[in-house]
Amino acid sequence: MQMMHTKLPDFIKKMKAAGGRIKPGKNVSIKGLENLHSAKMQSLRTGRIEHAVEELALRDDVAEVEVLVIPRIPETMHTVIIKGIGNDGKAKKAILDVINILHPTEEAFLSDCGEIEDRRPKIGRH
Protein backbone atom coordinates (compact mmCIF):
# COMPACT_ATOMS: atom_id res chain seq x y z
CA MET A 1 0.00 0.00 0.00
CA GLN A 2 1.38 3.40 -0.98
CA MET A 3 1.09 6.18 1.60
CA MET A 4 -0.34 9.42 0.28
CA HIS A 5 1.17 12.67 1.50
CA THR A 6 0.95 16.31 0.49
CA LYS A 7 4.24 18.18 0.13
CA LEU A 8 4.61 21.39 2.13
CA PRO A 9 4.45 23.80 -0.86
CA ASP A 10 1.30 22.04 -2.12
CA PHE A 11 -0.27 22.22 1.35
CA ILE A 12 0.30 25.98 1.48
CA LYS A 13 -1.10 26.45 -2.06
CA LYS A 14 -4.19 24.38 -1.23
CA MET A 15 -4.94 26.37 1.92
CA LYS A 16 -4.55 29.72 0.16
CA ALA A 17 -6.70 28.57 -2.76
CA ALA A 18 -9.43 27.16 -0.51
CA GLY A 19 -10.30 30.59 0.88
CA GLY A 20 -10.77 32.24 -2.48
CA ARG A 21 -12.34 29.34 -4.32
CA ILE A 22 -15.87 30.10 -3.15
CA LYS A 23 -15.42 33.72 -2.05
CA PRO A 24 -12.87 35.32 -4.40
CA GLY A 25 -10.58 37.78 -2.68
CA LYS A 26 -10.90 36.18 0.76
CA ASN A 27 -7.36 36.15 2.18
CA VAL A 28 -5.92 33.08 3.91
CA SER A 29 -2.78 33.56 6.03
CA ILE A 30 -0.72 30.60 7.20
CA LYS A 31 1.48 30.84 10.29
CA GLY A 32 3.64 28.30 12.08
CA LEU A 33 5.32 26.73 9.04
CA GLU A 34 7.80 29.53 8.31
CA ASN A 35 10.81 27.60 9.63
CA LEU A 36 10.09 24.39 7.71
CA HIS A 37 12.13 23.92 4.57
CA SER A 38 10.46 20.67 3.60
CA ALA A 39 7.76 18.46 5.05
CA LYS A 40 5.00 16.11 4.03
CA MET A 41 1.51 16.42 5.42
CA GLN A 42 -1.11 13.69 5.74
CA SER A 43 -3.30 13.95 2.64
CA LEU A 44 -6.51 13.03 4.47
CA ARG A 45 -5.89 15.69 7.12
CA THR A 46 -4.91 18.19 4.41
CA GLY A 47 -8.31 17.67 2.80
CA ARG A 48 -10.13 18.03 6.11
CA ILE A 49 -8.28 21.26 6.89
CA GLU A 50 -8.92 22.53 3.36
CA HIS A 51 -12.67 21.96 3.86
CA ALA A 52 -12.53 23.77 7.23
CA VAL A 53 -10.87 26.77 5.53
CA GLU A 54 -13.64 26.77 2.90
CA GLU A 55 -16.29 26.50 5.64
CA LEU A 56 -14.98 29.59 7.43
CA ALA A 57 -14.42 31.48 4.15
CA LEU A 58 -18.11 31.00 3.32
CA ARG A 59 -19.21 32.89 6.42
CA ASP A 60 -20.25 36.47 5.74
CA ASP A 61 -18.96 37.59 9.14
CA VAL A 62 -15.42 36.32 8.37
CA ALA A 63 -13.17 38.79 6.51
CA GLU A 64 -10.08 36.57 6.33
CA VAL A 65 -9.04 33.08 7.44
CA GLU A 66 -5.94 32.43 9.53
CA VAL A 67 -4.40 28.94 9.56
CA LEU A 68 -2.07 28.58 12.54
CA VAL A 69 -0.05 25.35 12.87
CA ILE A 70 1.29 24.64 16.37
CA PRO A 71 2.63 21.46 18.00
CA ARG A 72 -0.12 19.39 19.63
CA ILE A 73 2.13 18.38 22.49
CA PRO A 74 3.50 21.58 24.06
CA GLU A 75 6.89 20.13 25.00
CA THR A 76 8.75 18.67 22.06
CA MET A 77 12.22 17.11 22.01
CA HIS A 78 14.45 18.09 19.10
CA THR A 79 17.84 16.92 17.93
CA VAL A 80 20.35 19.73 17.45
CA ILE A 81 23.08 19.18 14.85
CA ILE A 82 26.05 21.50 15.20
CA LYS A 83 28.30 21.23 12.14
CA GLY A 84 31.76 22.67 11.59
CA ILE A 85 32.15 23.50 7.90
CA GLY A 86 35.59 23.89 6.35
CA ASN A 87 36.74 26.35 3.68
CA ASP A 88 36.05 23.67 1.08
CA GLY A 89 32.37 23.63 2.09
CA LYS A 90 32.52 20.13 3.55
CA ALA A 91 31.56 19.22 7.09
CA LYS A 92 34.64 18.59 9.25
CA LYS A 93 32.90 17.58 12.46
CA ALA A 94 29.38 17.34 13.80
CA ILE A 95 28.17 17.34 17.38
CA LEU A 96 24.70 16.02 18.22
CA ASP A 97 22.75 17.21 21.22
CA VAL A 98 19.11 17.56 22.24
CA ILE A 99 16.88 20.40 23.40
CA ASN A 100 13.33 20.56 24.69
CA ILE A 101 11.25 23.34 23.17
CA LEU A 102 8.22 24.53 25.11
CA HIS A 103 5.48 25.83 22.81
CA PRO A 104 2.41 27.85 23.75
CA THR A 105 -0.77 25.76 23.68
CA GLU A 106 -3.92 26.49 21.69
CA GLU A 107 -5.39 28.43 24.63
CA ALA A 108 -2.85 31.19 24.00
CA PHE A 109 -4.28 31.70 20.51
CA LEU A 110 -7.99 31.22 21.25
CA SER A 111 -8.63 33.57 24.17
CA ASP A 112 -10.60 36.03 22.02
CA CYS A 113 -12.60 33.42 20.09
CA GLY A 114 -16.29 33.08 20.99
CA GLU A 115 -17.02 29.76 19.27
CA ILE A 116 -14.59 26.80 19.23
CA GLU A 117 -15.34 23.47 17.55
CA ASP A 118 -12.73 20.81 18.38
CA ARG A 119 -12.51 18.28 15.54
CA ARG A 120 -9.23 16.73 16.67
CA PRO A 121 -9.12 13.00 17.32
CA LYS A 122 -7.79 11.74 20.63
CA ILE A 123 -3.99 11.67 20.82
CA GLY A 124 -2.74 8.50 19.15
CA ARG A 125 -5.98 8.04 17.14
CA HIS A 126 -5.05 10.13 14.11
C-alpha atoms as a PDB file:
ATOM      1  CA  MET A   1       0.000   0.000   0.000  1.00  0.00           C
ATOM      2  CA  GLN A   2       1.379   3.404  -0.979  1.00  0.00           C
ATOM      3  CA  MET A   3       1.086   6.184   1.602  1.00  0.00           C
ATOM      4  CA  MET A   4      -0.336   9.419   0.278  1.00  0.00           C
ATOM      5  CA  HIS A   5       1.173  12.669   1.504  1.00  0.00           C
ATOM      6  CA  THR A   6       0.954  16.309   0.489  1.00  0.00           C
ATOM      7  CA  LYS A   7       4.239  18.176   0.128  1.00  0.00           C
ATOM      8  CA  LEU A   8       4.609  21.388   2.133  1.00  0.00           C
ATOM      9  CA  PRO A   9       4.455  23.801  -0.856  1.00  0.00           C
ATOM     10  CA  ASP A  10       1.303  22.038  -2.116  1.00  0.00           C
ATOM     11  CA  PHE A  11      -0.274  22.216   1.352  1.00  0.00           C
ATOM     12  CA  ILE A  12       0.297  25.983   1.477  1.00  0.00           C
ATOM     13  CA  LYS A  13      -1.098  26.452  -2.064  1.00  0.00           C
ATOM     14  CA  LYS A  14      -4.189  24.383  -1.230  1.00  0.00           C
ATOM     15  CA  MET A  15      -4.944  26.366   1.923  1.00  0.00           C
ATOM     16  CA  LYS A  16      -4.549  29.725   0.165  1.00  0.00           C
ATOM     17  CA  ALA A  17      -6.696  28.572  -2.763  1.00  0.00           C
ATOM     18  CA  ALA A  18      -9.433  27.165  -0.514  1.00  0.00           C
ATOM     19  CA  GLY A  19     -10.302  30.588   0.885  1.00  0.00           C
ATOM     20  CA  GLY A  20     -10.765  32.242  -2.484  1.00  0.00           C
ATOM     21  CA  ARG A  21     -12.343  29.336  -4.324  1.00  0.00           C
ATOM     22  CA  ILE A  22     -15.866  30.096  -3.149  1.00  0.00           C
ATOM     23  CA  LYS A  23     -15.424  33.720  -2.050  1.00  0.00           C
ATOM     24  CA  PRO A  24     -12.873  35.323  -4.404  1.00  0.00           C
ATOM     25  CA  GLY A  25     -10.584  37.781  -2.680  1.00  0.00           C
ATOM     26  CA  LYS A  26     -10.896  36.185   0.758  1.00  0.00           C
ATOM     27  CA  ASN A  27      -7.364  36.147   2.177  1.00  0.00           C
ATOM     28  CA  VAL A  28      -5.915  33.079   3.912  1.00  0.00           C
ATOM     29  CA  SER A  29      -2.783  33.557   6.029  1.00  0.00           C
ATOM     30  CA  ILE A  30      -0.716  30.599   7.203  1.00  0.00           C
ATOM     31  CA  LYS A  31       1.479  30.836  10.290  1.00  0.00           C
ATOM     32  CA  GLY A  32       3.638  28.301  12.085  1.00  0.00           C
ATOM     33  CA  LEU A  33       5.317  26.731   9.043  1.00  0.00           C
ATOM     34  CA  GLU A  34       7.805  29.531   8.310  1.00  0.00           C
ATOM     35  CA  ASN A  35      10.810  27.595   9.626  1.00  0.00           C
ATOM     36  CA  LEU A  36      10.085  24.391   7.709  1.00  0.00           C
ATOM     37  CA  HIS A  37      12.132  23.918   4.568  1.00  0.00           C
ATOM     38  CA  SER A  38      10.456  20.669   3.601  1.00  0.00           C
ATOM     39  CA  ALA A  39       7.755  18.459   5.050  1.00  0.00           C
ATOM     40  CA  LYS A  40       4.999  16.106   4.031  1.00  0.00           C
ATOM     41  CA  MET A  41       1.507  16.425   5.425  1.00  0.00           C
ATOM     42  CA  GLN A  42      -1.109  13.685   5.742  1.00  0.00           C
ATOM     43  CA  SER A  43      -3.300  13.955   2.643  1.00  0.00           C
ATOM     44  CA  LEU A  44      -6.508  13.034   4.465  1.00  0.00           C
ATOM     45  CA  ARG A  45      -5.889  15.695   7.118  1.00  0.00           C
ATOM     46  CA  THR A  46      -4.911  18.190   4.413  1.00  0.00           C
ATOM     47  CA  GLY A  47      -8.314  17.667   2.799  1.00  0.00           C
ATOM     48  CA  ARG A  48     -10.126  18.030   6.110  1.00  0.00           C
ATOM     49  CA  ILE A  49      -8.278  21.262   6.892  1.00  0.00           C
ATOM     50  CA  GLU A  50      -8.916  22.532   3.364  1.00  0.00           C
ATOM     51  CA  HIS A  51     -12.675  21.963   3.865  1.00  0.00           C
ATOM     52  CA  ALA A  52     -12.533  23.773   7.227  1.00  0.00           C
ATOM     53  CA  VAL A  53     -10.866  26.765   5.531  1.00  0.00           C
ATOM     54  CA  GLU A  54     -13.640  26.770   2.901  1.00  0.00           C
ATOM     55  CA  GLU A  55     -16.286  26.501   5.640  1.00  0.00           C
ATOM     56  CA  LEU A  56     -14.975  29.589   7.426  1.00  0.00           C
ATOM     57  CA  ALA A  57     -14.423  31.482   4.155  1.00  0.00           C
ATOM     58  CA  LEU A  58     -18.112  30.997   3.317  1.00  0.00           C
ATOM     59  CA  ARG A  59     -19.213  32.895   6.415  1.00  0.00           C
ATOM     60  CA  ASP A  60     -20.255  36.473   5.741  1.00  0.00           C
ATOM     61  CA  ASP A  61     -18.956  37.591   9.138  1.00  0.00           C
ATOM     62  CA  VAL A  62     -15.416  36.319   8.373  1.00  0.00           C
ATOM     63  CA  ALA A  63     -13.170  38.787   6.514  1.00  0.00           C
ATOM     64  CA  GLU A  64     -10.079  36.566   6.333  1.00  0.00           C
ATOM     65  CA  VAL A  65      -9.044  33.081   7.435  1.00  0.00           C
ATOM     66  CA  GLU A  66      -5.941  32.427   9.530  1.00  0.00           C
ATOM     67  CA  VAL A  67      -4.403  28.940   9.556  1.00  0.00           C
ATOM     68  CA  LEU A  68      -2.074  28.582  12.536  1.00  0.00           C
ATOM     69  CA  VAL A  69      -0.053  25.353  12.872  1.00  0.00           C
ATOM     70  CA  ILE A  70       1.290  24.641  16.374  1.00  0.00           C
ATOM     71  CA  PRO A  71       2.628  21.462  17.999  1.00  0.00           C
ATOM     72  CA  ARG A  72      -0.123  19.394  19.629  1.00  0.00           C
ATOM     73  CA  ILE A  73       2.128  18.377  22.494  1.00  0.00           C
ATOM     74  CA  PRO A  74       3.501  21.581  24.062  1.00  0.00           C
ATOM     75  CA  GLU A  75       6.890  20.132  25.002  1.00  0.00           C
ATOM     76  CA  THR A  76       8.753  18.674  22.063  1.00  0.00           C
ATOM     77  CA  MET A  77      12.218  17.113  22.009  1.00  0.00           C
ATOM     78  CA  HIS A  78      14.445  18.090  19.097  1.00  0.00           C
ATOM     79  CA  THR A  79      17.845  16.924  17.931  1.00  0.00           C
ATOM     80  CA  VAL A  80      20.351  19.727  17.449  1.00  0.00           C
ATOM     81  CA  ILE A  81      23.077  19.180  14.851  1.00  0.00           C
ATOM     82  CA  ILE A  82      26.055  21.500  15.198  1.00  0.00           C
ATOM     83  CA  LYS A  83      28.304  21.228  12.142  1.00  0.00           C
ATOM     84  CA  GLY A  84      31.758  22.670  11.594  1.00  0.00           C
ATOM     85  CA  ILE A  85      32.146  23.498   7.904  1.00  0.00           C
ATOM     86  CA  GLY A  86      35.591  23.889   6.350  1.00  0.00           C
ATOM     87  CA  ASN A  87      36.735  26.352   3.683  1.00  0.00           C
ATOM     88  CA  ASP A  88      36.048  23.674   1.076  1.00  0.00           C
ATOM     89  CA  GLY A  89      32.365  23.634   2.095  1.00  0.00           C
ATOM     90  CA  LYS A  90      32.521  20.135   3.551  1.00  0.00           C
ATOM     91  CA  ALA A  91      31.561  19.220   7.095  1.00  0.00           C
ATOM     92  CA  LYS A  92      34.637  18.588   9.246  1.00  0.00           C
ATOM     93  CA  LYS A  93      32.903  17.579  12.463  1.00  0.00           C
ATOM     94  CA  ALA A  94      29.382  17.343  13.797  1.00  0.00           C
ATOM     95  CA  ILE A  95      28.165  17.339  17.376  1.00  0.00           C
ATOM     96  CA  LEU A  96      24.703  16.023  18.218  1.00  0.00           C
ATOM     97  CA  ASP A  97      22.745  17.213  21.219  1.00  0.00           C
ATOM     98  CA  VAL A  98      19.111  17.560  22.241  1.00  0.00           C
ATOM     99  CA  ILE A  99      16.881  20.396  23.400  1.00  0.00           C
ATOM    100  CA  ASN A 100      13.334  20.564  24.691  1.00  0.00           C
ATOM    101  CA  ILE A 101      11.248  23.344  23.169  1.00  0.00           C
ATOM    102  CA  LEU A 102       8.219  24.528  25.112  1.00  0.00           C
ATOM    103  CA  HIS A 103       5.478  25.825  22.813  1.00  0.00           C
ATOM    104  CA  PRO A 104       2.407  27.847  23.749  1.00  0.00           C
ATOM    105  CA  THR A 105      -0.773  25.758  23.681  1.00  0.00           C
ATOM    106  CA  GLU A 106      -3.920  26.493  21.694  1.00  0.00           C
ATOM    107  CA  GLU A 107      -5.386  28.432  24.631  1.00  0.00           C
ATOM    108  CA  ALA A 108      -2.846  31.190  23.998  1.00  0.00           C
ATOM    109  CA  PHE A 109      -4.281  31.705  20.510  1.00  0.00           C
ATOM    110  CA  LEU A 110      -7.995  31.219  21.247  1.00  0.00           C
ATOM    111  CA  SER A 111      -8.627  33.567  24.173  1.00  0.00           C
ATOM    112  CA  ASP A 112     -10.604  36.025  22.016  1.00  0.00           C
ATOM    113  CA  CYS A 113     -12.604  33.420  20.089  1.00  0.00           C
ATOM    114  CA  GLY A 114     -16.292  33.080  20.987  1.00  0.00           C
ATOM    115  CA  GLU A 115     -17.023  29.755  19.272  1.00  0.00           C
ATOM    116  CA  ILE A 116     -14.594  26.801  19.233  1.00  0.00           C
ATOM    117  CA  GLU A 117     -15.336  23.474  17.545  1.00  0.00           C
ATOM    118  CA  ASP A 118     -12.734  20.812  18.384  1.00  0.00           C
ATOM    119  CA  ARG A 119     -12.514  18.279  15.544  1.00  0.00           C
ATOM    120  CA  ARG A 120      -9.226  16.729  16.671  1.00  0.00           C
ATOM    121  CA  PRO A 121      -9.118  13.003  17.320  1.00  0.00           C
ATOM    122  CA  LYS A 122      -7.787  11.740  20.628  1.00  0.00           C
ATOM    123  CA  ILE A 123      -3.991  11.669  20.817  1.00  0.00           C
ATOM    124  CA  GLY A 124      -2.745   8.500  19.154  1.00  0.00           C
ATOM    125  CA  ARG A 125      -5.980   8.041  17.136  1.00  0.00           C
ATOM    126  CA  HIS A 126      -5.050  10.128  14.113  1.00  0.00           C
END
